[in-house]
Full PDB file with SEQRES, HELIX, SHEET, SSBOND, CRYST1, ORIGX, SCALE, CONECT and MASTER records, all heavy atoms in Angstrom:
SEQRES   1 A   39  LYS LEU LYS LEU ALA MET SER CYS GLY ASN ALA GLY GLU          
SEQRES   2 A   39  PHE ILE MET GLU HIS VAL ASP GLU THR GLU GLY ALA GLY          
SEQRES   3 A   39  LEU GLY LEU MET LEU CYS ILE ALA ALA LEU LYS SER ILE          
HELIX    1 AA1 LEU A    2  SER A    7  1                                   6    
HELIX    2 AA2 ALA A   11  HIS A   18  1                                   8    
HELIX    3 AA3 LEU A   27  SER A   38  1                                  12    
CRYST1    1.000    1.000    1.000  90.00  90.00  90.00 P 1           1          
ORIGX1      1.000000  0.000000  0.000000        0.00000                         
ORIGX2      0.000000  1.000000  0.000000        0.00000                         
ORIGX3      0.000000  0.000000  1.000000        0.00000                         
SCALE1      1.000000  0.000000  0.000000        0.00000                         
SCALE2      0.000000  1.000000  0.000000        0.00000                         
SCALE3      0.000000  0.000000  1.000000        0.00000                         
ATOM      1  N   LYS A   1      34.431 110.179 164.819  1.00  0.00           N  
ATOM      2  CA  LYS A   1      33.594 110.044 165.972  1.00  0.00           C  
ATOM      3  C   LYS A   1      34.140 110.874 167.156  1.00  0.00           C  
ATOM      4  O   LYS A   1      33.369 111.454 167.903  1.00  0.00           O  
ATOM      5  CB  LYS A   1      33.467 108.582 166.387  1.00  0.00           C  
ATOM      6  CG  LYS A   1      32.760 107.722 165.359  1.00  0.00           C  
ATOM      7  CD  LYS A   1      31.326 108.149 165.102  1.00  0.00           C  
ATOM      8  CE  LYS A   1      30.632 107.219 164.101  1.00  0.00           C  
ATOM      9  NZ  LYS A   1      29.269 107.636 163.776  1.00  0.00           N  
ATOM     10  N   LEU A   2      35.449 110.938 167.261  1.00  0.00           N  
ATOM     11  CA  LEU A   2      36.058 111.716 168.350  1.00  0.00           C  
ATOM     12  C   LEU A   2      35.792 113.201 168.133  1.00  0.00           C  
ATOM     13  O   LEU A   2      35.460 113.915 169.067  1.00  0.00           O  
ATOM     14  CB  LEU A   2      37.589 111.446 168.366  1.00  0.00           C  
ATOM     15  CG  LEU A   2      38.361 112.019 169.542  1.00  0.00           C  
ATOM     16  CD1 LEU A   2      37.798 111.550 170.862  1.00  0.00           C  
ATOM     17  CD2 LEU A   2      39.834 111.659 169.445  1.00  0.00           C  
ATOM     18  N   LYS A   3      35.863 113.656 166.901  1.00  0.00           N  
ATOM     19  CA  LYS A   3      35.565 115.056 166.585  1.00  0.00           C  
ATOM     20  C   LYS A   3      34.118 115.374 166.909  1.00  0.00           C  
ATOM     21  O   LYS A   3      33.815 116.411 167.508  1.00  0.00           O  
ATOM     22  CB  LYS A   3      35.861 115.324 165.117  1.00  0.00           C  
ATOM     23  CG  LYS A   3      35.610 116.768 164.684  1.00  0.00           C  
ATOM     24  CD  LYS A   3      36.005 116.974 163.250  1.00  0.00           C  
ATOM     25  CE  LYS A   3      35.743 118.406 162.825  1.00  0.00           C  
ATOM     26  NZ  LYS A   3      36.095 118.617 161.359  1.00  0.00           N  
ATOM     27  N   LEU A   4      33.176 114.479 166.536  1.00  0.00           N  
ATOM     28  CA  LEU A   4      31.789 114.687 166.835  1.00  0.00           C  
ATOM     29  C   LEU A   4      31.522 114.642 168.334  1.00  0.00           C  
ATOM     30  O   LEU A   4      30.736 115.469 168.864  1.00  0.00           O  
ATOM     31  CB  LEU A   4      30.952 113.613 166.140  1.00  0.00           C  
ATOM     32  CG  LEU A   4      30.798 113.737 164.616  1.00  0.00           C  
ATOM     33  CD1 LEU A   4      30.225 112.487 164.038  1.00  0.00           C  
ATOM     34  CD2 LEU A   4      29.919 114.945 164.269  1.00  0.00           C  
ATOM     35  N   ALA A   5      32.149 113.716 169.050  1.00  0.00           N  
ATOM     36  CA  ALA A   5      31.956 113.592 170.487  1.00  0.00           C  
ATOM     37  C   ALA A   5      32.410 114.852 171.232  1.00  0.00           C  
ATOM     38  O   ALA A   5      31.793 115.309 172.180  1.00  0.00           O  
ATOM     39  CB  ALA A   5      32.694 112.369 171.028  1.00  0.00           C  
ATOM     40  N   MET A   6      33.511 115.430 170.758  1.00  0.00           N  
ATOM     41  CA  MET A   6      34.010 116.636 171.403  1.00  0.00           C  
ATOM     42  C   MET A   6      33.116 117.830 171.191  1.00  0.00           C  
ATOM     43  O   MET A   6      33.045 118.770 172.018  1.00  0.00           O  
ATOM     44  CB  MET A   6      35.418 116.929 170.886  1.00  0.00           C  
ATOM     45  CG  MET A   6      36.508 116.004 171.448  1.00  0.00           C  
ATOM     46  SD  MET A   6      38.165 116.532 170.979  1.00  0.00           S  
ATOM     47  CE  MET A   6      39.141 115.332 171.875  1.00  0.00           C  
ATOM     48  N   SER A   7      32.451 117.875 170.033  1.00  0.00           N  
ATOM     49  CA  SER A   7      31.621 119.013 169.704  1.00  0.00           C  
ATOM     50  C   SER A   7      30.174 118.857 170.185  1.00  0.00           C  
ATOM     51  O   SER A   7      29.402 119.830 170.167  1.00  0.00           O  
ATOM     52  CB  SER A   7      31.599 119.216 168.176  1.00  0.00           C  
ATOM     53  OG  SER A   7      31.024 118.102 167.529  1.00  0.00           O  
ATOM     54  N   CYS A   8      29.812 117.669 170.658  1.00  0.00           N  
ATOM     55  CA  CYS A   8      28.423 117.427 171.019  1.00  0.00           C  
ATOM     56  C   CYS A   8      28.268 117.567 172.537  1.00  0.00           C  
ATOM     57  O   CYS A   8      28.992 116.971 173.325  1.00  0.00           O  
ATOM     58  CB  CYS A   8      28.019 116.011 170.598  1.00  0.00           C  
ATOM     59  SG  CYS A   8      26.264 115.649 170.894  1.00  0.00           S  
ATOM     60  N   GLY A   9      27.269 118.342 172.957  1.00  0.00           N  
ATOM     61  CA  GLY A   9      27.074 118.536 174.397  1.00  0.00           C  
ATOM     62  C   GLY A   9      26.008 117.650 174.978  1.00  0.00           C  
ATOM     63  O   GLY A   9      25.853 117.599 176.202  1.00  0.00           O  
ATOM     64  N   ASN A  10      25.288 116.943 174.152  1.00  0.00           N  
ATOM     65  CA  ASN A  10      24.200 116.074 174.635  1.00  0.00           C  
ATOM     66  C   ASN A  10      24.477 114.613 174.283  1.00  0.00           C  
ATOM     67  O   ASN A  10      24.477 114.249 173.100  1.00  0.00           O  
ATOM     68  CB  ASN A  10      22.862 116.534 173.935  1.00  0.00           C  
ATOM     69  CG  ASN A  10      21.667 115.785 174.513  1.00  0.00           C  
ATOM     70  OD1 ASN A  10      21.624 114.568 174.450  1.00  0.00           O  
ATOM     71  ND2 ASN A  10      20.712 116.521 175.053  1.00  0.00           N  
ATOM     72  N   ALA A  11      24.733 113.817 175.310  1.00  0.00           N  
ATOM     73  CA  ALA A  11      25.137 112.425 175.076  1.00  0.00           C  
ATOM     74  C   ALA A  11      24.012 111.614 174.387  1.00  0.00           C  
ATOM     75  O   ALA A  11      24.242 110.818 173.486  1.00  0.00           O  
ATOM     76  CB  ALA A  11      25.505 111.734 176.410  1.00  0.00           C  
ATOM     77  N   GLY A  12      22.775 111.874 174.830  1.00  0.00           N  
ATOM     78  CA  GLY A  12      21.658 111.150 174.241  1.00  0.00           C  
ATOM     79  C   GLY A  12      21.518 111.462 172.745  1.00  0.00           C  
ATOM     80  O   GLY A  12      21.284 110.553 171.941  1.00  0.00           O  
ATOM     81  N   GLU A  13      21.623 112.682 172.404  1.00  0.00           N  
ATOM     82  CA  GLU A  13      21.560 113.110 171.001  1.00  0.00           C  
ATOM     83  C   GLU A  13      22.682 112.476 170.197  1.00  0.00           C  
ATOM     84  O   GLU A  13      22.477 111.994 169.076  1.00  0.00           O  
ATOM     85  CB  GLU A  13      21.633 114.639 170.916  1.00  0.00           C  
ATOM     86  CG  GLU A  13      21.627 115.188 169.480  1.00  0.00           C  
ATOM     87  CD  GLU A  13      21.791 116.685 169.485  1.00  0.00           C  
ATOM     88  OE1 GLU A  13      21.470 117.350 170.502  1.00  0.00           O  
ATOM     89  OE2 GLU A  13      22.291 117.202 168.455  1.00  0.00           O  
ATOM     90  N   PHE A  14      23.885 112.458 170.765  1.00  0.00           N  
ATOM     91  CA  PHE A  14      25.027 111.868 170.078  1.00  0.00           C  
ATOM     92  C   PHE A  14      24.780 110.388 169.812  1.00  0.00           C  
ATOM     93  O   PHE A  14      25.029 109.876 168.709  1.00  0.00           O  
ATOM     94  CB  PHE A  14      26.291 112.059 170.928  1.00  0.00           C  
ATOM     95  CG  PHE A  14      27.514 111.421 170.306  1.00  0.00           C  
ATOM     96  CD1 PHE A  14      28.283 112.134 169.378  1.00  0.00           C  
ATOM     97  CD2 PHE A  14      27.884 110.115 170.618  1.00  0.00           C  
ATOM     98  CE1 PHE A  14      29.400 111.539 168.813  1.00  0.00           C  
ATOM     99  CE2 PHE A  14      28.978 109.540 170.040  1.00  0.00           C  
ATOM    100  CZ  PHE A  14      29.766 110.248 169.147  1.00  0.00           C  
ATOM    101  N   ILE A  15      24.305 109.666 170.835  1.00  0.00           N  
ATOM    102  CA  ILE A  15      24.055 108.224 170.688  1.00  0.00           C  
ATOM    103  C   ILE A  15      23.048 107.936 169.592  1.00  0.00           C  
ATOM    104  O   ILE A  15      23.225 107.050 168.766  1.00  0.00           O  
ATOM    105  CB  ILE A  15      23.614 107.653 172.023  1.00  0.00           C  
ATOM    106  CG1 ILE A  15      24.765 107.694 173.027  1.00  0.00           C  
ATOM    107  CG2 ILE A  15      23.109 106.211 171.861  1.00  0.00           C  
ATOM    108  CD1 ILE A  15      24.394 107.391 174.444  1.00  0.00           C  
ATOM    109  N   MET A  16      21.964 108.725 169.568  1.00  0.00           N  
ATOM    110  CA  MET A  16      20.902 108.494 168.563  1.00  0.00           C  
ATOM    111  C   MET A  16      21.382 108.785 167.123  1.00  0.00           C  
ATOM    112  O   MET A  16      21.014 108.069 166.210  1.00  0.00           O  
ATOM    113  CB  MET A  16      19.711 109.380 168.881  1.00  0.00           C  
ATOM    114  CG  MET A  16      18.995 108.995 170.166  1.00  0.00           C  
ATOM    115  SD  MET A  16      18.253 107.338 170.069  1.00  0.00           S  
ATOM    116  CE  MET A  16      17.012 107.611 168.786  1.00  0.00           C  
ATOM    117  N   GLU A  17      22.262 109.794 166.985  1.00  0.00           N  
ATOM    118  CA  GLU A  17      22.594 110.228 165.638  1.00  0.00           C  
ATOM    119  C   GLU A  17      23.907 109.715 165.109  1.00  0.00           C  
ATOM    120  O   GLU A  17      24.052 109.605 163.878  1.00  0.00           O  
ATOM    121  CB  GLU A  17      22.629 111.760 165.600  1.00  0.00           C  
ATOM    122  CG  GLU A  17      21.264 112.403 165.858  1.00  0.00           C  
ATOM    123  CD  GLU A  17      21.306 113.920 165.734  1.00  0.00           C  
ATOM    124  OE1 GLU A  17      22.362 114.428 165.297  1.00  0.00           O  
ATOM    125  OE2 GLU A  17      20.297 114.583 165.998  1.00  0.00           O  
ATOM    126  N   HIS A  18      24.852 109.357 166.024  1.00  0.00           N  
ATOM    127  CA  HIS A  18      26.190 109.146 165.521  1.00  0.00           C  
ATOM    128  C   HIS A  18      26.839 107.809 165.887  1.00  0.00           C  
ATOM    129  O   HIS A  18      27.934 107.502 165.381  1.00  0.00           O  
ATOM    130  CB  HIS A  18      27.168 110.265 166.069  1.00  0.00           C  
ATOM    131  CG  HIS A  18      26.738 111.636 165.656  1.00  0.00           C  
ATOM    132  ND1 HIS A  18      26.641 112.036 164.343  1.00  0.00           N  
ATOM    133  CD2 HIS A  18      26.335 112.688 166.416  1.00  0.00           C  
ATOM    134  CE1 HIS A  18      26.225 113.280 164.317  1.00  0.00           C  
ATOM    135  NE2 HIS A  18      26.030 113.707 165.531  1.00  0.00           N  
ATOM    136  N   VAL A  19      26.199 106.977 166.694  1.00  0.00           N  
ATOM    137  CA  VAL A  19      26.829 105.680 167.023  1.00  0.00           C  
ATOM    138  C   VAL A  19      26.769 104.778 165.848  1.00  0.00           C  
ATOM    139  O   VAL A  19      25.696 104.590 165.228  1.00  0.00           O  
ATOM    140  CB  VAL A  19      26.157 105.059 168.273  1.00  0.00           C  
ATOM    141  CG1 VAL A  19      26.643 103.608 168.450  1.00  0.00           C  
ATOM    142  CG2 VAL A  19      26.486 105.863 169.522  1.00  0.00           C  
ATOM    143  N   ASP A  20      27.884 104.169 165.545  1.00  0.00           N  
ATOM    144  CA  ASP A  20      28.000 103.244 164.374  1.00  0.00           C  
ATOM    145  C   ASP A  20      27.240 101.971 164.676  1.00  0.00           C  
ATOM    146  O   ASP A  20      27.490 101.303 165.641  1.00  0.00           O  
ATOM    147  CB  ASP A  20      29.501 102.956 164.141  1.00  0.00           C  
ATOM    148  CG  ASP A  20      29.726 102.185 162.871  1.00  0.00           C  
ATOM    149  OD1 ASP A  20      29.060 101.162 162.663  1.00  0.00           O  
ATOM    150  OD2 ASP A  20      30.629 102.604 162.108  1.00  0.00           O  
ATOM    151  N   GLU A  21      26.280 101.620 163.827  1.00  0.00           N  
ATOM    152  CA  GLU A  21      25.433 100.468 164.063  1.00  0.00           C  
ATOM    153  C   GLU A  21      26.218  99.169 163.935  1.00  0.00           C  
ATOM    154  O   GLU A  21      25.883  98.150 164.529  1.00  0.00           O  
ATOM    155  CB  GLU A  21      24.244 100.443 163.107  1.00  0.00           C  
ATOM    156  CG  GLU A  21      23.267 101.592 163.321  1.00  0.00           C  
ATOM    157  CD  GLU A  21      22.127 101.569 162.325  1.00  0.00           C  
ATOM    158  OE1 GLU A  21      22.118 100.630 161.490  1.00  0.00           O  
ATOM    159  OE2 GLU A  21      21.242 102.417 162.383  1.00  0.00           O  
ATOM    160  N   THR A  22      27.282  99.152 163.144  1.00  0.00           N  
ATOM    161  CA  THR A  22      28.046  97.942 162.938  1.00  0.00           C  
ATOM    162  C   THR A  22      28.845  97.592 164.171  1.00  0.00           C  
ATOM    163  O   THR A  22      28.893  96.456 164.608  1.00  0.00           O  
ATOM    164  CB  THR A  22      29.024  98.103 161.728  1.00  0.00           C  
ATOM    165  OG1 THR A  22      28.244  98.441 160.597  1.00  0.00           O  
ATOM    166  CG2 THR A  22      29.807  96.842 161.507  1.00  0.00           C  
ATOM    167  N   GLU A  23      29.495  98.580 164.785  1.00  0.00           N  
ATOM    168  CA  GLU A  23      30.458  98.264 165.841  1.00  0.00           C  
ATOM    169  C   GLU A  23      30.217  99.030 167.115  1.00  0.00           C  
ATOM    170  O   GLU A  23      30.898  98.800 168.110  1.00  0.00           O  
ATOM    171  CB  GLU A  23      31.889  98.552 165.304  1.00  0.00           C  
ATOM    172  CG  GLU A  23      32.976  97.915 166.088  1.00  0.00           C  
ATOM    173  CD  GLU A  23      34.314  98.034 165.396  1.00  0.00           C  
ATOM    174  OE1 GLU A  23      34.377  98.611 164.326  1.00  0.00           O  
ATOM    175  OE2 GLU A  23      35.300  97.551 165.948  1.00  0.00           O  
ATOM    176  N   GLY A  24      29.239  99.947 167.114  1.00  0.00           N  
ATOM    177  CA  GLY A  24      29.051 100.719 168.304  1.00  0.00           C  
ATOM    178  C   GLY A  24      30.107 101.829 168.460  1.00  0.00           C  
ATOM    179  O   GLY A  24      30.272 102.411 169.525  1.00  0.00           O  
ATOM    180  N   ALA A  25      30.841 102.069 167.359  1.00  0.00           N  
ATOM    181  CA  ALA A  25      31.915 103.060 167.434  1.00  0.00           C  
ATOM    182  C   ALA A  25      31.335 104.439 167.788  1.00  0.00           C  
ATOM    183  O   ALA A  25      30.364 104.864 167.214  1.00  0.00           O  
ATOM    184  CB  ALA A  25      32.637 103.158 166.071  1.00  0.00           C  
ATOM    185  N   GLY A  26      31.942 105.117 168.716  1.00  0.00           N  
ATOM    186  CA  GLY A  26      31.480 106.450 169.105  1.00  0.00           C  
ATOM    187  C   GLY A  26      30.950 106.471 170.490  1.00  0.00           C  
ATOM    188  O   GLY A  26      31.163 107.429 171.221  1.00  0.00           O  
ATOM    189  N   LEU A  27      30.260 105.425 170.912  1.00  0.00           N  
ATOM    190  CA  LEU A  27      29.625 105.422 172.246  1.00  0.00           C  
ATOM    191  C   LEU A  27      30.692 105.453 173.345  1.00  0.00           C  
ATOM    192  O   LEU A  27      30.589 106.237 174.297  1.00  0.00           O  
ATOM    193  CB  LEU A  27      28.757 104.188 172.412  1.00  0.00           C  
ATOM    194  CG  LEU A  27      27.997 104.068 173.746  1.00  0.00           C  
ATOM    195  CD1 LEU A  27      27.161 105.279 174.016  1.00  0.00           C  
ATOM    196  CD2 LEU A  27      27.152 102.787 173.747  1.00  0.00           C  
ATOM    197  N   GLY A  28      31.735 104.629 173.210  1.00  0.00           N  
ATOM    198  CA  GLY A  28      32.805 104.625 174.172  1.00  0.00           C  
ATOM    199  C   GLY A  28      33.546 105.938 174.203  1.00  0.00           C  
ATOM    200  O   GLY A  28      33.930 106.445 175.275  1.00  0.00           O  
ATOM    201  N   LEU A  29      33.742 106.510 173.014  1.00  0.00           N  
ATOM    202  CA  LEU A  29      34.431 107.796 172.952  1.00  0.00           C  
ATOM    203  C   LEU A  29      33.634 108.894 173.655  1.00  0.00           C  
ATOM    204  O   LEU A  29      34.181 109.743 174.368  1.00  0.00           O  
ATOM    205  CB  LEU A  29      34.703 108.205 171.500  1.00  0.00           C  
ATOM    206  CG  LEU A  29      35.672 107.317 170.741  1.00  0.00           C  
ATOM    207  CD1 LEU A  29      35.756 107.735 169.254  1.00  0.00           C  
ATOM    208  CD2 LEU A  29      37.092 107.395 171.340  1.00  0.00           C  
ATOM    209  N   MET A  30      32.313 108.895 173.409  1.00  0.00           N  
ATOM    210  CA  MET A  30      31.444 109.844 174.061  1.00  0.00           C  
ATOM    211  C   MET A  30      31.500 109.700 175.582  1.00  0.00           C  
ATOM    212  O   MET A  30      31.514 110.683 176.323  1.00  0.00           O  
ATOM    213  CB  MET A  30      30.022 109.703 173.561  1.00  0.00           C  
ATOM    214  CG  MET A  30      29.057 110.751 174.085  1.00  0.00           C  
ATOM    215  SD  MET A  30      29.467 112.418 173.517  1.00  0.00           S  
ATOM    216  CE  MET A  30      28.674 113.443 174.720  1.00  0.00           C  
ATOM    217  N   LEU A  31      31.553 108.468 176.034  1.00  0.00           N  
ATOM    218  CA  LEU A  31      31.626 108.195 177.467  1.00  0.00           C  
ATOM    219  C   LEU A  31      32.908 108.779 178.054  1.00  0.00           C  
ATOM    220  O   LEU A  31      32.920 109.390 179.114  1.00  0.00           O  
ATOM    221  CB  LEU A  31      31.597 106.672 177.715  1.00  0.00           C  
ATOM    222  CG  LEU A  31      31.675 106.201 179.183  1.00  0.00           C  
ATOM    223  CD1 LEU A  31      30.451 106.668 179.942  1.00  0.00           C  
ATOM    224  CD2 LEU A  31      31.739 104.673 179.218  1.00  0.00           C  
ATOM    225  N   CYS A  32      34.032 108.572 177.353  1.00  0.00           N  
ATOM    226  CA  CYS A  32      35.314 109.128 177.846  1.00  0.00           C  
ATOM    227  C   CYS A  32      35.281 110.652 177.862  1.00  0.00           C  
ATOM    228  O   CYS A  32      35.754 111.274 178.838  1.00  0.00           O  
ATOM    229  CB  CYS A  32      36.451 108.634 176.925  1.00  0.00           C  
ATOM    230  SG  CYS A  32      36.783 106.862 177.052  1.00  0.00           S  
ATOM    231  N   ILE A  33      34.762 111.261 176.783  1.00  0.00           N  
ATOM    232  CA  ILE A  33      34.704 112.699 176.744  1.00  0.00           C  
ATOM    233  C   ILE A  33      33.813 113.266 177.861  1.00  0.00           C  
ATOM    234  O   ILE A  33      34.153 114.231 178.531  1.00  0.00           O  
ATOM    235  CB  ILE A  33      34.150 113.171 175.376  1.00  0.00           C  
ATOM    236  CG1 ILE A  33      35.081 112.765 174.223  1.00  0.00           C  
ATOM    237  CG2 ILE A  33      33.898 114.696 175.329  1.00  0.00           C  
ATOM    238  CD1 ILE A  33      36.470 113.318 174.326  1.00  0.00           C  
ATOM    239  N   ALA A  34      32.660 112.654 178.073  1.00  0.00           N  
ATOM    240  CA  ALA A  34      31.747 113.095 179.138  1.00  0.00           C  
ATOM    241  C   ALA A  34      32.389 112.979 180.520  1.00  0.00           C  
ATOM    242  O   ALA A  34      32.231 113.815 181.375  1.00  0.00           O  
ATOM    243  CB  ALA A  34      30.447 112.306 179.103  1.00  0.00           C  
ATOM    244  N   ALA A  35      33.127 111.864 180.722  1.00  0.00           N  
ATOM    245  CA  ALA A  35      33.781 111.674 182.024  1.00  0.00           C  
ATOM    246  C   ALA A  35      34.863 112.733 182.250  1.00  0.00           C  
ATOM    247  O   ALA A  35      35.011 113.258 183.354  1.00  0.00           O  
ATOM    248  CB  ALA A  35      34.427 110.281 182.075  1.00  0.00           C  
ATOM    249  N   LEU A  36      35.632 113.079 181.218  1.00  0.00           N  
ATOM    250  CA  LEU A  36      36.633 114.150 181.345  1.00  0.00           C  
ATOM    251  C   LEU A  36      35.976 115.481 181.692  1.00  0.00           C  
ATOM    252  O   LEU A  36      36.462 116.210 182.532  1.00  0.00           O  
ATOM    253  CB  LEU A  36      37.476 114.244 180.081  1.00  0.00           C  
ATOM    254  CG  LEU A  36      38.465 113.109 179.837  1.00  0.00           C  
ATOM    255  CD1 LEU A  36      39.107 113.266 178.446  1.00  0.00           C  
ATOM    256  CD2 LEU A  36      39.566 113.111 180.906  1.00  0.00           C  
ATOM    257  N   LYS A  37      34.919 115.786 180.942  1.00  0.00           N  
ATOM    258  CA  LYS A  37      34.236 117.037 181.218  1.00  0.00           C  
ATOM    259  C   LYS A  37      33.677 117.105 182.640  1.00  0.00           C  
ATOM    260  O   LYS A  37      33.613 118.169 183.228  1.00  0.00           O  
ATOM    261  CB  LYS A  37      33.071 117.215 180.201  1.00  0.00           C  
ATOM    262  CG  LYS A  37      33.552 117.534 178.780  1.00  0.00           C  
ATOM    263  CD  LYS A  37      32.379 117.722 177.829  1.00  0.00           C  
ATOM    264  CE  LYS A  37      32.818 118.083 176.417  1.00  0.00           C  
ATOM    265  NZ  LYS A  37      31.675 118.246 175.485  1.00  0.00           N  
ATOM    266  N   SER A  38      33.290 115.930 183.191  1.00  0.00           N  
ATOM    267  CA  SER A  38      32.720 115.913 184.539  1.00  0.00           C  
ATOM    268  C   SER A  38      33.719 116.307 185.607  1.00  0.00           C  
ATOM    269  O   SER A  38      33.342 116.708 186.712  1.00  0.00           O  
ATOM    270  CB  SER A  38      32.119 114.531 184.820  1.00  0.00           C  
ATOM    271  OG  SER A  38      33.157 113.597 185.129  1.00  0.00           O  
ATOM    272  N   ILE A  39      35.022 116.181 185.306  1.00  0.00           N  
ATOM    273  CA  ILE A  39      36.036 116.588 186.283  1.00  0.00           C  
ATOM    274  C   ILE A  39      36.828 117.817 185.749  1.00  0.00           C  
ATOM    275  O   ILE A  39      37.939 118.097 186.175  1.00  0.00           O  
ATOM    276  CB  ILE A  39      37.018 115.418 186.558  1.00  0.00           C  
ATOM    277  CG1 ILE A  39      37.620 114.835 185.261  1.00  0.00           C  
ATOM    278  CG2 ILE A  39      36.316 114.345 187.397  1.00  0.00           C  
ATOM    279  CD1 ILE A  39      38.661 113.735 185.488  1.00  0.00           C  
TER     280      ILE A  39                                                      
MASTER        0    0    0    3    0    0    0    6  279    1    0    3          
END                                                                             
């Protein structure tokens, strides 16, 4: 999920395609990556 989050430029697309339905894995990582990119 971290590898996918780093390579994905669109948060909405990432959430739709890659968030783990069991645990939500990936969403928090995408949030962290997006926040870092914002600064």
